[in-house]
Protein backbone atom coordinates (compact mmCIF):
# COMPACT_ATOMS: atom_id res chain seq x y z
CA MET A 1 0.00 0.00 0.00
CA ARG A 2 2.84 2.37 0.83
CA GLU A 3 4.43 1.80 -2.58
CA VAL A 4 1.10 2.56 -4.29
CA LEU A 5 0.75 5.82 -2.34
CA ILE A 6 4.26 6.92 -3.20
CA THR A 7 3.81 6.07 -6.89
CA ALA A 8 0.52 7.96 -7.14
CA MET A 9 1.63 10.84 -4.92
CA PRO A 10 2.91 13.42 -7.45
CA VAL A 11 -0.18 13.39 -9.68
CA THR A 12 -2.62 12.97 -6.79
CA MET A 13 -1.19 15.98 -4.99
CA TRP A 14 -1.99 18.23 -7.94
CA VAL A 15 -5.54 16.83 -8.16
CA LEU A 16 -6.09 17.51 -4.45
CA THR A 17 -4.64 21.01 -4.85
CA ALA A 18 -7.05 21.74 -7.70
CA LEU A 19 -9.98 20.54 -5.60
CA ASN A 20 -8.83 22.74 -2.73
CA LEU A 21 -8.75 25.72 -5.06
CA LEU A 22 -12.21 24.90 -6.41
CA PHE A 23 -13.85 24.83 -2.98
CA THR A 24 -11.92 27.92 -1.86
CA VAL A 25 -13.27 29.87 -4.84
CA LEU A 26 -16.78 28.48 -4.28
CA LEU A 27 -16.71 29.59 -0.65
CA PHE A 28 -15.54 33.10 -1.55
CA CYS A 29 -18.26 33.32 -4.20
CA LEU A 30 -20.84 32.10 -1.72
CA TRP A 31 -19.74 34.74 0.78
CA ARG A 32 -20.03 37.50 -1.81
CA LYS A 33 -23.47 36.29 -2.84
CA THR A 34 -25.03 35.63 0.58
CA LYS A 35 -22.89 37.81 2.89
CA GLN A 36 -22.54 34.90 5.31
CA VAL A 37 -19.62 35.93 7.49
CA SER A 38 -18.97 32.30 8.45
CA ALA A 39 -18.51 31.51 4.74
CA LEU A 40 -15.76 34.13 4.64
CA TRP A 41 -13.94 32.61 7.63
CA MET A 42 -14.26 29.18 6.03
CA ALA A 43 -12.96 30.55 2.73
CA LEU A 44 -9.90 32.03 4.45
CA VAL A 45 -9.15 28.74 6.20
CA ALA A 46 -9.60 26.97 2.86
CA PHE A 47 -7.21 29.44 1.21
CA GLY A 48 -4.54 28.64 3.79
CA LEU A 49 -4.97 24.94 3.09
CA PHE A 50 -4.87 25.57 -0.66
CA TYR A 51 -1.60 27.48 -0.39
CA ASP A 52 -0.14 24.69 1.72
CA ALA A 53 -1.20 22.10 -0.87
CA LEU A 54 0.10 24.23 -3.75
CA ILE A 55 3.59 24.60 -2.29
CA LEU A 56 3.75 20.91 -1.44
CA SER A 57 2.70 20.09 -5.00
CA LEU A 58 5.37 22.41 -6.41
CA GLY A 59 7.83 20.12 -4.68
CA THR A 60 7.08 17.58 -7.40
CA VAL A 61 8.66 19.87 -10.02
CA LEU A 62 10.90 22.33 -8.16
CA PRO A 63 14.27 21.22 -6.81
CA GLU A 64 15.65 21.96 -3.36
CA GLY A 65 16.73 25.60 -3.19
CA ASP A 66 15.96 29.15 -2.19
CA ALA A 67 12.83 29.44 -4.37
CA LEU A 68 11.03 26.49 -2.81
CA LYS A 69 12.29 27.39 0.65
CA GLY A 70 11.09 30.97 0.31
CA LEU A 71 7.63 29.80 -0.75
CA SER A 72 7.47 27.27 2.08
CA LEU A 73 7.68 29.53 5.15
CA PRO A 74 4.37 31.33 4.37
CA ARG A 75 2.54 28.00 4.42
CA PHE A 76 3.42 27.63 8.09
CA VAL A 77 2.44 31.24 8.79
CA LEU A 78 -0.88 30.95 6.94
CA HIS A 79 -1.78 27.64 8.52
CA CYS A 80 -1.08 28.80 12.07
CA GLY A 81 -2.58 32.23 11.44
CA LEU A 82 -5.82 31.19 9.72
CA ILE A 83 -6.84 27.91 11.36
CA PRO A 84 -8.03 29.74 14.54
CA LEU A 85 -10.82 31.22 12.39
CA LEU A 86 -12.57 27.93 13.06
CA PHE A 87 -13.47 29.36 16.48
CA PRO A 88 -15.75 32.14 15.13
CA VAL A 89 -17.15 29.62 12.64
CA CYS A 90 -18.17 27.46 15.60
CA ALA A 91 -19.50 30.47 17.51
CA GLU A 92 -21.66 31.46 14.54
CA ALA A 93 -22.96 27.92 14.11
CA LEU A 94 -23.89 27.72 17.79
CA GLY A 95 -25.61 31.10 17.69
CA ILE A 96 -23.27 32.78 20.18
CA ARG A 97 -23.91 36.51 20.30
CA GLY A 98 -23.12 39.61 22.36
CA VAL A 99 -20.41 39.32 25.01
CA GLY A 100 -19.80 35.67 24.20
CA LYS A 101 -19.05 36.51 20.58
CA LYS A 102 -16.63 39.27 21.61
CA ILE A 103 -14.80 36.87 23.92
CA VAL A 104 -14.50 34.32 21.10
CA TRP A 105 -12.99 36.97 18.84
CA ILE A 106 -10.53 38.18 21.48
CA VAL A 107 -9.35 34.61 22.04
CA THR A 108 -9.22 34.00 18.29
CA ILE A 109 -7.11 37.09 17.61
CA LEU A 110 -4.68 36.24 20.43
CA ILE A 111 -4.28 32.68 19.14
CA MET A 112 -3.88 33.93 15.57
CA ALA A 113 -1.10 36.28 16.71
CA ALA A 114 0.64 33.45 18.55
CA GLY A 115 0.23 31.20 15.52
CA ILE A 116 1.70 33.76 13.14
CA ALA A 117 4.67 34.26 15.46
CA ALA A 118 5.15 30.48 15.65
CA GLY A 119 5.02 30.25 11.87
CA PHE A 120 7.69 32.90 11.38
CA ALA A 121 9.89 31.26 14.03
CA THR A 122 9.93 27.97 12.13
CA LYS A 123 13.33 26.88 10.84
CA LEU A 124 13.13 24.84 7.66
CA GLU A 125 15.03 21.86 6.34
CA PRO A 126 14.57 19.99 3.05
CA GLN A 127 13.08 16.52 2.99
CA VAL A 128 12.54 14.27 -0.02
CA VAL A 129 9.95 11.48 -0.11
CA GLY A 130 8.95 9.62 -3.26
CA GLY A 131 10.50 12.28 -5.48
CA VAL A 132 8.64 15.10 -3.73
CA THR A 133 10.81 17.80 -2.20
CA ARG A 134 9.39 19.84 0.65
CA TYR A 135 10.68 22.09 3.38
CA ALA A 136 9.56 20.89 6.81
CA SER A 137 10.16 22.21 10.30
CA ALA A 138 13.65 21.41 11.58
CA LYS A 139 12.80 20.22 15.09
CA GLU A 140 16.34 20.68 16.36
CA LEU A 141 16.44 24.33 15.23
CA THR A 142 12.82 25.48 15.64
CA PRO A 143 12.13 26.88 19.13
CA GLY A 144 10.17 24.56 21.38
CA TRP A 145 7.43 27.13 21.96
CA SER A 146 6.90 27.40 18.21
CA THR A 147 6.64 23.63 17.79
CA GLY A 148 4.25 23.43 20.73
CA ILE A 149 1.93 26.07 19.31
CA GLN A 150 1.96 24.44 15.86
CA ASN A 151 1.14 21.03 17.33
CA ALA A 152 -1.69 22.51 19.40
CA LEU A 153 -3.12 24.28 16.35
CA SER A 154 -2.93 21.12 14.27
CA TYR A 155 -5.45 19.31 16.46
CA GLY A 156 -7.03 21.70 18.99
CA PRO A 157 -9.26 23.71 16.62
CA ILE A 158 -10.26 20.51 14.79
CA VAL A 159 -11.39 18.85 18.01
CA ILE A 160 -13.41 21.96 18.91
CA LEU A 161 -14.92 21.93 15.41
CA MET A 162 -15.96 18.30 15.88
CA VAL A 163 -17.58 19.02 19.25
CA CYS A 164 -19.37 22.06 17.85
CA GLY A 165 -20.38 20.09 14.77
CA LEU A 166 -21.83 17.31 16.89
CA ILE A 167 -23.96 19.83 18.81
CA VAL A 168 -25.14 21.42 15.56
CA TRP A 169 -25.93 17.98 14.19
CA ILE A 170 -28.04 17.09 17.23
CA MET A 171 -29.77 20.47 17.49
CA LYS A 172 -30.19 21.41 13.84
CA LYS A 173 -29.87 18.09 12.01
CA ARG A 174 -26.86 19.43 10.07
CA PRO A 175 -23.89 17.00 10.14
CA GLU A 176 -21.56 18.90 7.78
CA LEU A 177 -19.43 20.70 10.37
CA PHE A 178 -18.93 17.51 12.35
CA LEU A 179 -17.96 15.59 9.22
CA SER A 180 -15.53 18.33 8.18
CA GLY A 181 -13.70 18.03 11.48
CA LEU A 182 -13.96 14.25 11.61
CA PHE A 183 -12.34 13.67 8.21
CA MET A 184 -9.58 16.19 8.90
CA PHE A 185 -8.82 14.57 12.25
CA ALA A 186 -9.02 11.03 10.86
CA PHE A 187 -6.63 11.61 7.98
CA SER A 188 -4.21 13.54 10.21
CA ALA A 189 -4.15 10.57 12.58
CA LEU A 190 -3.90 7.96 9.82
CA ALA A 191 -0.21 8.50 9.11
CA PRO A 192 1.02 7.94 12.69
CA ALA A 193 -1.49 5.08 13.12
CA THR A 194 0.00 3.30 10.10
CA LYS A 195 3.57 4.30 10.97
CA ASN A 196 3.93 6.42 7.82
CA MET A 197 4.85 9.72 9.44
CA ASP A 198 6.98 10.72 6.44
CA LEU A 199 3.80 10.58 4.33
CA MET A 200 1.67 12.56 6.77
CA PHE A 201 1.83 15.71 4.62
CA PHE A 202 0.34 13.75 1.71
CA ILE A 203 -2.24 11.67 3.58
CA SER A 204 -3.57 14.71 5.45
CA MET A 205 -4.24 16.46 2.11
CA PHE A 206 -7.22 14.12 1.60
CA GLY A 207 -8.65 15.25 4.93
CA GLU A 208 -8.13 18.90 4.03
CA VAL A 209 -10.08 18.56 0.79
CA LEU A 210 -12.92 16.76 2.55
CA MET A 211 -12.97 19.41 5.26
CA VAL A 212 -13.37 22.31 2.83
CA PHE A 213 -15.90 20.31 0.81
CA PHE A 214 -18.12 19.95 3.87
CA PHE A 215 -17.50 23.63 4.70
CA TRP A 216 -18.90 24.53 1.30
CA LEU A 217 -21.81 22.12 1.69
CA TYR A 218 -22.67 23.58 5.09
CA ALA A 219 -22.51 27.20 3.91
CA LYS A 220 -24.35 26.42 0.67
CA ASN A 221 -27.31 24.88 2.47
CA ARG A 222 -27.65 27.47 5.21
CA LYS A 223 -30.89 29.43 5.27
CA GLY A 224 -30.47 33.19 5.45
CA ALA A 225 -27.36 35.33 5.65
CA ASN A 226 -25.23 36.16 8.67
CA LYS A 227 -24.60 39.87 8.36
């Protein structure tokens, strides 16, 4: 199975990147049409995932060097800086208003600032798997606080999204948010579960596409606009 994944990886990565772009554009278009603010936050999260996928896919054609390295650091910054927008998405889905909404935004902005700082503090090193070159975090050189924040942001917001999604599913009969978090979490955990940590960047791309697909499905089927 591992050999099949590695063989199919270069082409599959570009397909997943194209799908990411499609749903990102659809979410932005939906936001412009309906003025749903949650669609905008979802679109921004999707954009961060698209950029991440694009740079990883470029590693199938670009060699190790300054160009690929320079393009790689922003993917850490965007991921850590945009993924906290899942918190206001959850707040909107749960109908949190007033003081509660302000508190969510204060926490979100603080976490976004910490995430952006962690992204910029990342030290990169080249890694090659199955002919794909990528710049990953050099654990020996990246500050521990940066690694800790990145690890927390990789799973924490997704777990909160799943919990929120489960509540929305029970209360409003809408499973999309729960499924978006579930697939992202499942594919992120699949690599360590199968002892293929070097392929985690590739395997998790499937979860990212499914997450933004269910984002779009959720926003598309909402009744009314959140202004």
